[in-house]
Structure formats: structure tokens, C-alpha cells
Protein backbone atom coordinates (compact mmCIF):
# COMPACT_ATOMS: atom_id res chain seq x y z
CA MET A 1 204.19 161.93 178.16
CA SER A 2 202.91 164.00 175.29
CA SER A 3 203.77 162.07 172.15
CA ALA A 4 200.55 161.02 170.45
CA PRO A 5 199.60 157.44 171.50
CA GLU A 6 199.01 156.44 167.90
CA ASP A 7 202.59 157.51 167.12
CA ARG A 8 203.97 155.12 169.70
CA LYS A 9 201.72 152.30 168.55
CA ARG A 10 202.73 152.77 164.94
CA SER A 11 206.40 153.07 165.92
CA GLY A 12 206.29 149.80 167.85
CA SER A 13 204.55 148.03 165.00
CA SER A 14 207.07 149.38 162.50
CA ASP A 15 209.97 148.28 164.68
CA ALA A 16 208.55 144.75 164.95
CA GLN A 17 208.03 144.52 161.21
CA ALA A 18 211.53 145.82 160.53
CA ALA A 19 213.04 143.26 162.90
CA ALA A 20 211.17 140.45 161.19
CA ALA A 21 212.20 141.63 157.74
CA GLY A 22 215.88 142.06 158.60
CA PRO A 23 218.08 145.05 157.64
CA PRO A 24 216.20 147.83 155.80
CA THR A 25 216.71 148.08 152.06
CA ALA A 26 215.97 151.82 151.96
CA TRP A 27 216.11 154.77 154.27
CA SER A 28 214.12 154.96 157.45
CA VAL A 29 211.83 157.95 158.06
CA LYS A 30 210.70 158.73 161.60
CA LYS A 31 208.35 161.43 162.87
CA PHE A 32 208.20 162.87 166.37
CA HIS A 33 205.95 165.35 168.13
CA ILE A 34 206.92 165.96 171.77
CA CYS A 35 205.42 168.50 174.16
CA ASP A 36 207.06 167.44 177.43
CA ALA A 37 210.57 168.52 178.52
CA ASP A 38 211.42 165.26 180.29
CA GLU A 39 210.32 163.20 177.31
CA LEU A 40 212.34 165.40 174.97
CA LEU A 41 215.40 164.99 177.21
CA HIS A 42 214.97 161.21 177.06
CA HIS A 43 214.56 161.41 173.29
CA PHE A 44 217.82 163.35 172.86
CA ASN A 45 219.82 161.08 175.15
CA SER A 46 218.54 157.76 173.81
CA LEU A 47 218.79 158.78 170.16
CA ASN A 48 222.29 160.23 170.35
CA GLN A 49 223.85 158.17 173.17
CA ALA A 50 224.28 161.41 175.06
CA CYS A 51 224.02 162.55 178.66
CA TYR A 52 222.23 165.89 178.44
CA ARG A 53 221.28 167.16 181.88
CA GLU A 54 218.11 169.11 181.15
CA VAL A 55 215.77 170.62 178.59
CA VAL A 56 214.33 174.01 179.57
CA PRO A 57 211.35 175.40 177.62
CA LEU A 58 211.75 179.13 177.00
CA GLY A 59 208.35 179.80 175.43
CA ARG A 60 205.43 181.66 176.96
CA GLY A 61 204.20 179.87 180.04
CA SER A 62 206.98 177.30 179.53
CA ALA A 63 205.05 175.81 176.61
CA LEU A 64 206.99 173.29 174.52
CA SER A 65 206.36 171.91 171.07
CA PHE A 66 209.02 169.89 169.26
CA ARG A 67 208.25 168.39 165.83
CA LYS A 68 210.80 166.44 163.84
CA VAL A 69 210.97 164.39 160.67
CA GLU A 70 214.21 162.41 160.45
CA ILE A 71 215.68 160.34 157.62
CA ASP A 72 218.43 157.82 158.31
CA PHE A 73 220.65 157.43 155.25
CA GLY A 74 223.17 155.12 156.93
CA ARG A 75 226.11 157.13 158.21
CA VAL A 76 224.25 160.44 158.12
CA ARG A 77 220.92 161.20 159.80
CA LEU A 78 219.17 164.28 158.42
CA ALA A 79 216.18 165.89 160.13
CA GLN A 80 214.03 168.96 159.79
CA VAL A 81 212.82 170.33 163.11
CA LYS A 82 210.21 172.87 164.12
CA CYS A 83 210.14 173.86 167.76
CA THR A 84 209.32 176.54 170.29
CA PRO A 85 212.21 178.27 172.13
CA LEU A 86 214.26 175.94 174.32
CA LEU A 87 217.58 175.48 176.08
CA VAL A 88 219.43 172.13 176.22
CA ARG A 89 222.38 171.72 178.58
CA GLY A 90 225.16 169.19 178.07
CA PRO A 91 227.16 167.07 178.18
CA GLY A 92 226.30 165.70 174.80
CA SER A 93 228.01 162.75 173.20
CA PRO A 94 231.72 163.36 172.38
CA ARG A 95 231.49 160.59 169.77
CA LYS A 96 228.71 162.29 167.81
CA LEU A 97 228.91 165.22 165.43
CA LEU A 98 225.97 167.63 165.48
CA VAL A 99 225.33 170.13 162.67
CA LEU A 100 222.55 172.74 162.95
CA VAL A 101 221.20 175.12 160.31
CA SER A 102 218.56 177.57 161.53
CA GLU A 103 216.47 178.54 158.50
CA GLN A 104 213.82 180.74 160.07
CA GLY A 105 215.09 181.52 163.57
CA HIS A 106 218.29 181.59 165.59
CA SER A 107 220.40 178.88 167.23
CA THR A 108 223.44 179.16 169.49
CA ILE A 109 225.76 176.46 170.81
CA ARG A 110 228.04 177.47 173.68
CA GLY A 111 231.12 175.47 174.52
CA SER A 112 233.68 175.72 177.28
CA ARG A 113 235.65 178.87 178.07
CA GLY A 114 233.07 181.18 176.52
CA VAL A 115 233.35 179.81 172.95
CA GLU A 116 230.10 179.92 171.00
CA ALA A 117 228.77 179.67 167.45
CA HIS A 118 225.55 180.92 165.84
CA SER A 119 223.21 180.13 162.97
CA HIS A 120 220.69 182.80 162.00
CA ARG A 121 218.05 182.59 159.27
CA GLY A 122 220.08 180.44 156.92
CA ASP A 123 223.35 182.39 157.11
CA GLY A 124 225.47 179.47 158.28
CA ALA A 125 225.70 176.17 160.12
CA ILE A 126 227.05 175.17 163.52
CA ALA A 127 229.16 172.01 163.72
CA ALA A 128 229.92 170.79 167.22
CA THR A 129 230.61 168.08 169.73
CA LEU A 130 229.28 169.24 173.10
CA ASP A 131 231.56 168.98 176.11
CA GLN A 132 230.42 168.95 179.74
CA ASP A 133 229.93 172.73 179.81
CA GLY A 134 228.10 172.89 176.49
CA GLU A 135 224.56 174.08 175.91
CA PHE A 136 222.26 174.67 172.97
CA GLU A 137 219.72 177.50 172.81
CA ALA A 138 217.17 178.07 170.03
CA SER A 139 214.39 180.51 169.27
CA THR A 140 211.16 179.51 167.55
CA ASP A 141 212.68 177.97 164.48
CA SER A 142 212.59 175.70 161.47
CA ARG A 143 215.99 174.09 161.10
CA TYR A 144 218.00 171.24 159.64
CA VAL A 145 219.77 168.92 162.07
CA VAL A 146 222.49 166.50 160.95
CA HIS A 147 223.87 163.70 163.14
CA LEU A 148 226.98 161.72 162.31
CA ASP A 149 229.26 159.36 164.20
CA GLN A 150 232.71 160.96 164.31
CA ARG A 151 234.31 157.63 163.52
CA ASP A 152 232.60 157.72 160.12
CA LEU A 153 233.88 161.24 159.58
CA VAL A 154 237.45 160.29 160.48
CA GLN A 155 237.33 157.15 158.34
CA TYR A 156 236.01 159.09 155.34
CA MET A 157 238.72 161.69 155.81
CA HIS A 158 241.45 159.07 156.05
CA GLU A 159 240.28 157.45 152.81
CA ALA A 160 240.55 160.79 151.01
CA GLU A 161 243.83 161.88 152.58
CA PRO A 162 245.78 160.39 155.53
CA VAL A 163 245.00 162.27 158.73
CA ALA A 164 245.26 161.55 162.42
CA GLN A 165 242.60 158.94 163.12
CA ARG A 166 241.13 160.41 166.25
CA ALA A 167 237.78 161.77 167.36
CA PRO A 168 238.35 165.53 167.72
CA LYS A 169 236.35 167.89 169.90
CA PHE A 170 235.36 171.15 168.27
CA LEU A 171 232.81 173.93 167.93
CA LEU A 172 232.86 175.92 164.73
CA ARG A 173 230.67 177.88 162.34
CA MET A 174 230.29 177.15 158.63
CA ASP A 175 229.65 180.48 156.88
CA PHE A 176 227.29 180.07 153.93
CA SER A 177 228.92 183.06 152.20
CA THR A 178 231.86 180.74 151.43
CA PRO A 179 231.64 178.39 148.43
CA ALA A 180 232.20 175.14 150.35
CA ALA A 181 229.64 175.93 153.04
CA ALA A 182 227.12 177.18 150.47
CA SER A 183 227.56 173.88 148.62
CA PHE A 184 226.78 171.99 151.84
CA HIS A 185 223.63 174.09 152.30
CA ARG A 186 222.49 173.33 148.76
CA ALA A 187 223.15 169.63 149.39
CA LEU A 188 220.88 169.70 152.45
CA ASN A 189 218.06 171.33 150.49
CA PHE A 190 218.55 169.04 147.51
CA VAL A 191 218.52 165.80 149.51
CA TRP A 192 215.60 166.85 151.70
CA GLN A 193 213.38 167.67 148.74
CA GLN A 194 213.92 164.44 146.84
CA LYS A 195 210.58 162.65 146.65
CA GLY A 196 211.46 159.70 144.42
CA PRO A 197 210.73 156.13 145.55
CA PRO A 198 213.27 155.21 148.25
CA ASN A 199 215.79 152.51 147.38
CA GLU A 200 219.23 151.42 148.46
CA LEU A 201 221.05 153.14 145.60
CA LEU A 202 219.48 156.52 146.36
CA ARG A 203 220.04 156.06 150.09
CA ALA A 204 223.74 155.43 149.54
CA ALA A 205 224.02 158.31 147.06
CA TYR A 206 222.41 160.85 149.40
CA ASP A 207 224.49 159.57 152.32
CA GLU A 208 227.64 160.13 150.23
CA ILE A 209 226.54 163.59 149.07
CA LEU A 210 225.98 164.81 152.62
CA LEU A 211 229.12 163.23 154.05
CA HIS A 212 231.32 164.57 151.25
CA ALA A 213 229.88 168.07 151.68
CA LEU A 214 230.55 167.94 155.42
CA VAL A 215 234.12 166.72 155.00
CA SER A 216 234.83 169.49 152.48
CA ASN A 217 233.99 172.03 155.17
CA LEU A 218 235.33 170.36 158.30
CA ALA A 219 238.61 168.90 157.09
CA PRO A 220 240.59 172.16 156.92
CA ALA A 221 239.33 173.41 160.28
CA VAL A 222 239.22 170.17 162.27
CA PHE A 223 242.02 168.11 160.81
CA ASP A 224 244.12 170.95 159.40
CA ALA A 225 244.38 169.05 156.12
CA ARG A 226 246.63 170.70 153.55
CA SER A 227 245.77 170.74 149.89
CA THR A 228 248.57 169.86 147.53
CA LYS A 229 247.22 172.26 144.92
CA VAL A 230 248.13 175.94 145.01
CA ALA A 231 245.43 178.19 143.61
CA ASP A 232 246.50 180.76 141.05
CA SER A 233 245.97 184.46 141.81
CA GLY A 234 243.06 184.64 139.37
CA SER A 235 241.06 181.91 141.12
CA ILE A 236 241.78 183.56 144.49
CA HIS A 237 240.25 186.84 143.28
CA ILE A 238 237.20 185.06 141.87
CA ARG A 239 236.74 183.01 145.03
CA ARG A 240 236.89 186.20 147.10
CA ALA A 241 234.41 187.90 144.74
CA CYS A 242 232.00 184.99 145.21
CA GLU A 243 232.32 185.25 148.98
CA ILE A 244 231.56 188.99 148.90
CA ILE A 245 228.55 188.52 146.62
CA ARG A 246 227.11 185.74 148.79
CA ALA A 247 227.64 187.77 151.95
CA ARG A 248 225.81 190.75 150.43
CA VAL A 249 223.20 188.90 148.39
CA SER A 250 220.35 190.77 150.09
CA GLU A 251 222.02 194.15 149.46
CA PRO A 252 222.64 196.18 146.30
CA VAL A 253 225.87 194.81 144.77
CA ARG A 254 227.65 197.05 142.26
CA ILE A 255 230.42 195.67 140.08
CA GLY A 256 232.33 198.95 140.34
CA GLU A 257 232.47 198.69 144.12
CA LEU A 258 233.37 195.02 143.89
CA VAL A 259 236.36 195.51 141.60
CA ARG A 260 237.64 198.40 143.73
CA GLU A 261 237.48 196.22 146.83
CA LEU A 262 239.32 193.40 145.04
CA GLY A 263 241.84 195.71 143.39
CA VAL A 264 241.17 194.39 139.87
CA SER A 265 239.63 195.79 136.69
CA PRO A 266 236.03 195.08 135.55
CA ARG A 267 237.35 193.29 132.48
CA TYR A 268 239.62 191.10 134.65
CA LEU A 269 236.65 190.19 136.86
CA GLN A 270 234.39 189.40 133.91
CA SER A 271 236.97 187.21 132.20
CA GLY A 272 237.86 185.50 135.49
CA PHE A 273 234.25 184.55 136.14
CA ARG A 274 233.90 183.16 132.62
CA ARG A 275 237.17 181.24 132.82
CA HIS A 276 236.69 179.73 136.30
CA LEU A 277 232.89 179.54 136.63
CA GLY A 278 231.53 179.77 133.10
CA THR A 279 229.26 182.70 134.00
CA THR A 280 229.33 186.45 134.65
CA PRO A 281 229.30 188.35 137.97
CA HIS A 282 225.73 189.54 137.30
CA GLU A 283 224.52 186.03 136.51
CA PHE A 284 226.27 184.70 139.60
CA LEU A 285 224.54 187.34 141.75
CA ARG A 286 221.20 186.50 140.17
CA ASP A 287 221.71 182.78 140.88
CA CYS A 288 222.65 183.53 144.49
CA ARG A 289 219.42 185.49 144.88
CA LEU A 290 217.45 182.69 143.24
CA ASP A 291 219.03 180.26 145.73
CA MET A 292 217.99 182.58 148.54
CA ALA A 293 214.43 182.72 147.20
CA HIS A 294 214.35 178.93 146.87
CA ARG A 295 215.53 178.51 150.46
CA LEU A 296 212.83 180.89 151.72
CA LEU A 297 210.13 179.06 149.77
CA VAL A 298 211.11 175.56 150.89
CA THR A 299 211.20 176.74 154.54
CA SER A 300 208.31 179.20 154.21
CA LEU A 301 206.31 180.29 157.22
CA PRO A 302 202.56 181.02 157.20
CA GLY A 303 201.88 184.34 155.51
CA GLN A 304 204.91 184.28 153.23
CA THR A 305 204.01 184.68 149.55
CA ILE A 306 205.90 184.34 146.29
CA THR A 307 205.64 188.09 145.75
CA SER A 308 207.09 188.95 149.16
CA VAL A 309 209.90 186.42 148.73
CA ALA A 310 210.76 187.75 145.26
CA TYR A 311 210.90 191.34 146.49
CA ASP A 312 212.91 190.38 149.59
CA CYS A 313 215.48 188.72 147.32
CA GLY A 314 215.84 191.73 145.02
CA PHE A 315 213.59 190.71 142.12
CA GLY A 316 211.32 193.54 140.99
CA HIS A 317 209.91 191.83 137.89
CA LEU A 318 207.82 188.84 138.93
CA GLY A 319 207.57 187.34 135.45
CA GLU A 320 211.33 187.40 134.96
CA PHE A 321 211.81 186.01 138.46
CA ALA A 322 209.47 183.08 137.73
CA GLN A 323 211.19 182.35 134.40
CA ASN A 324 214.70 182.38 135.90
CA TYR A 325 213.50 180.34 138.88
CA ARG A 326 212.07 177.62 136.65
CA SER A 327 215.24 177.56 134.57
CA ARG A 328 217.39 177.03 137.69
CA PHE A 329 215.20 174.64 139.72
CA GLY A 330 213.05 172.92 137.11
CA GLU A 331 209.77 174.10 138.61
CA SER A 332 207.89 177.33 139.20
CA PRO A 333 207.97 179.20 142.53
CA SER A 334 204.32 178.30 143.07
CA GLU A 335 205.11 174.59 142.65
CA THR A 336 207.86 174.84 145.27
CA LEU A 337 205.52 176.61 147.65
CA ARG A 338 202.73 174.06 147.11
CA ARG A 339 205.10 171.19 147.80
CA ARG A 340 206.24 172.92 150.97
CA ARG A 341 202.64 173.35 152.12
CA ALA A 342 201.96 169.68 151.38
CA ILE A 343 204.74 168.47 153.70
CA ASP A 344 204.45 171.29 156.21
CA ASN A 345 202.49 169.25 158.75
CA PHE A 346 205.19 167.16 160.41
CA ALA A 347 202.84 165.51 162.88
CA PRO A 348 201.90 161.94 161.87
CA ALA A 349 198.32 161.51 160.76
């Protein structure tokens, strides 16, 4: 077994203390570093009540390194994982919902009958319950992993709007170019970066934020829930404009091309953005690029700099980039990068 012995000793001590103290009053944070395929297989199966068949390292010389920090908020477990390439074959647990967001690499989940979904460098999330033919493959990556009992998902959905109370099986992709999925992505980043003292109120609040964001994305696809509100044509055009801008955030976006694609006038687009979003198309594009820069900084890899991130996100003036970044996130790009470096070592001391 390759987990550090001191990790296991500390884990056992923590478990004993927790049992003596009764139910936790705040969230639980666990750290793992595993370098053995059999141990990782046991970890996956015991943690998720699953029956995965095998873990296959795909790195050079079959080397394996799996590092994870996981926070249990109650109904939702959120983790950030860094690992070498690997393949995990099902079956997983049909009662558990798994959501993956690859921030720096690529992940693929394959279901039955050739169905598969991908997440690549922060462009979307995969939501799935693995059946007997399912498998998960990942490159060298830094990614978010969310676990949730489907019964909690169904119960939450039923409280919001009556739906069939069943545990569905599904494999789908949440595209971060859409508003709802982008909101879920922001919620992941927001919750993960909170460094305030843990307490029960914050734990419950973050649990609710993540669950609500998931339901907003999964309800239409999984439960086929119908909204009773009919969007007006103006909001439809603006929603479509937002989707196009998010999908092309790393490309030159020209308002003239955008209005031609939507079939509206520039004045209509400007007024629509102000009426529905309280901003302009240019400001919306700038904010999308700032969000992209923020995501790259909080998941930065060795060698990435503020200058390279700013240029990659379309900012040619570093001073203006830093000013807009601080206005949006309440801190400078260098502060974000320093905080990332401070928590970058996931292995327990």
C-alpha cells in the first residue's frame, strides 16, 4: 500500500476523536495520496459504495499518483483531484451521482451502447451514474469531483417541483457555454476557495449552493421538468448571445458578427443586455474573460504566470487587466496565484 503511514495514523486518530465527540458540527476535510492501483480501487469502492472492477494506470511505466482533498458538506461531497493518467472500469454505484470537471486535462466517461461524454480544460462537466459497461478515462489532470446520493437529488427536485421520485440512470454533459452550467462552474470555484472558519451555517449554505446549481442543470435533462414561465423573444436572443460569447470567449468576438448571427440590430442587442442583465455585450465579454483568467489562476500549473494567463484570455494591457480583475474578484491576480501556490501541495504534511 502506498498511502503515507502517517496519513493512516492521523486518519484513525481523527476518526476516533470524531466518534467520541459525536456528529461533526462543521465540514469534514480529508486528504489522500495513493500510488497503488489496488489501493485506489479499494478507495473508490469503499467511499462510493461501488463495485468498480479495476483501475489501470496509463502513465509511463504504469506509474500512478492520485492526490485528493475532499470536503463533505452533508449531501454534497466536493473534491479537487490531481492524478496521472488512468482508466477505471465499472460498474459504479447506480445510487450515486458523479460529476467531473477537468480543469487542466481531459476526462471521458463511456456508458453503454457507445454513449460517452467529455470534459476538457474547463469547457464543461460530466454528470453520470455508471452502469455495468461504464468506464472512466482521464489524462494527467487537475479536476473537481462532486459526489451526491441520487435520493438527495430526487428529494430536492420534488421539493421544488413534483417529479417522478425515482433514481434515474444517465450520462450527460453540462456545457459551460450555457448560463446554467457556467453558474454551476462558478459555484464550484467559489465554494472551494472559501477559507473562512468552518461552521455549521457555512457548511449548510455551501451544500445548498452546490445542490441548487446541480439541480438547475440536471432537472431539464434528467427529469424533463417543464418551466411554467415562457421566456419572451428578447430574453431568448440575449440568452443565445451569452451562449455564443461564452463559447467563443478565447476568440475575437465582434458585435457586428454577433448581431448578424442572431438576426437583430446592434441597438436591440445593447438595450437587451441592459434590460435583462444590467450590462453591455462588451462588458459581458470582458467579465467572461476575467472568469476564464480566474479559473486558470486558481487551477494554475507550474510555469503559468499572470502575464501568460492575461494574454491567453485576450487582455493586452496588464494594468487594466489587474484593475478589472480586482474589481470583479476582490483581490489582485497575484493574490489569487499566491493562494493557489499555498494550497497546491495536497499531500498531508
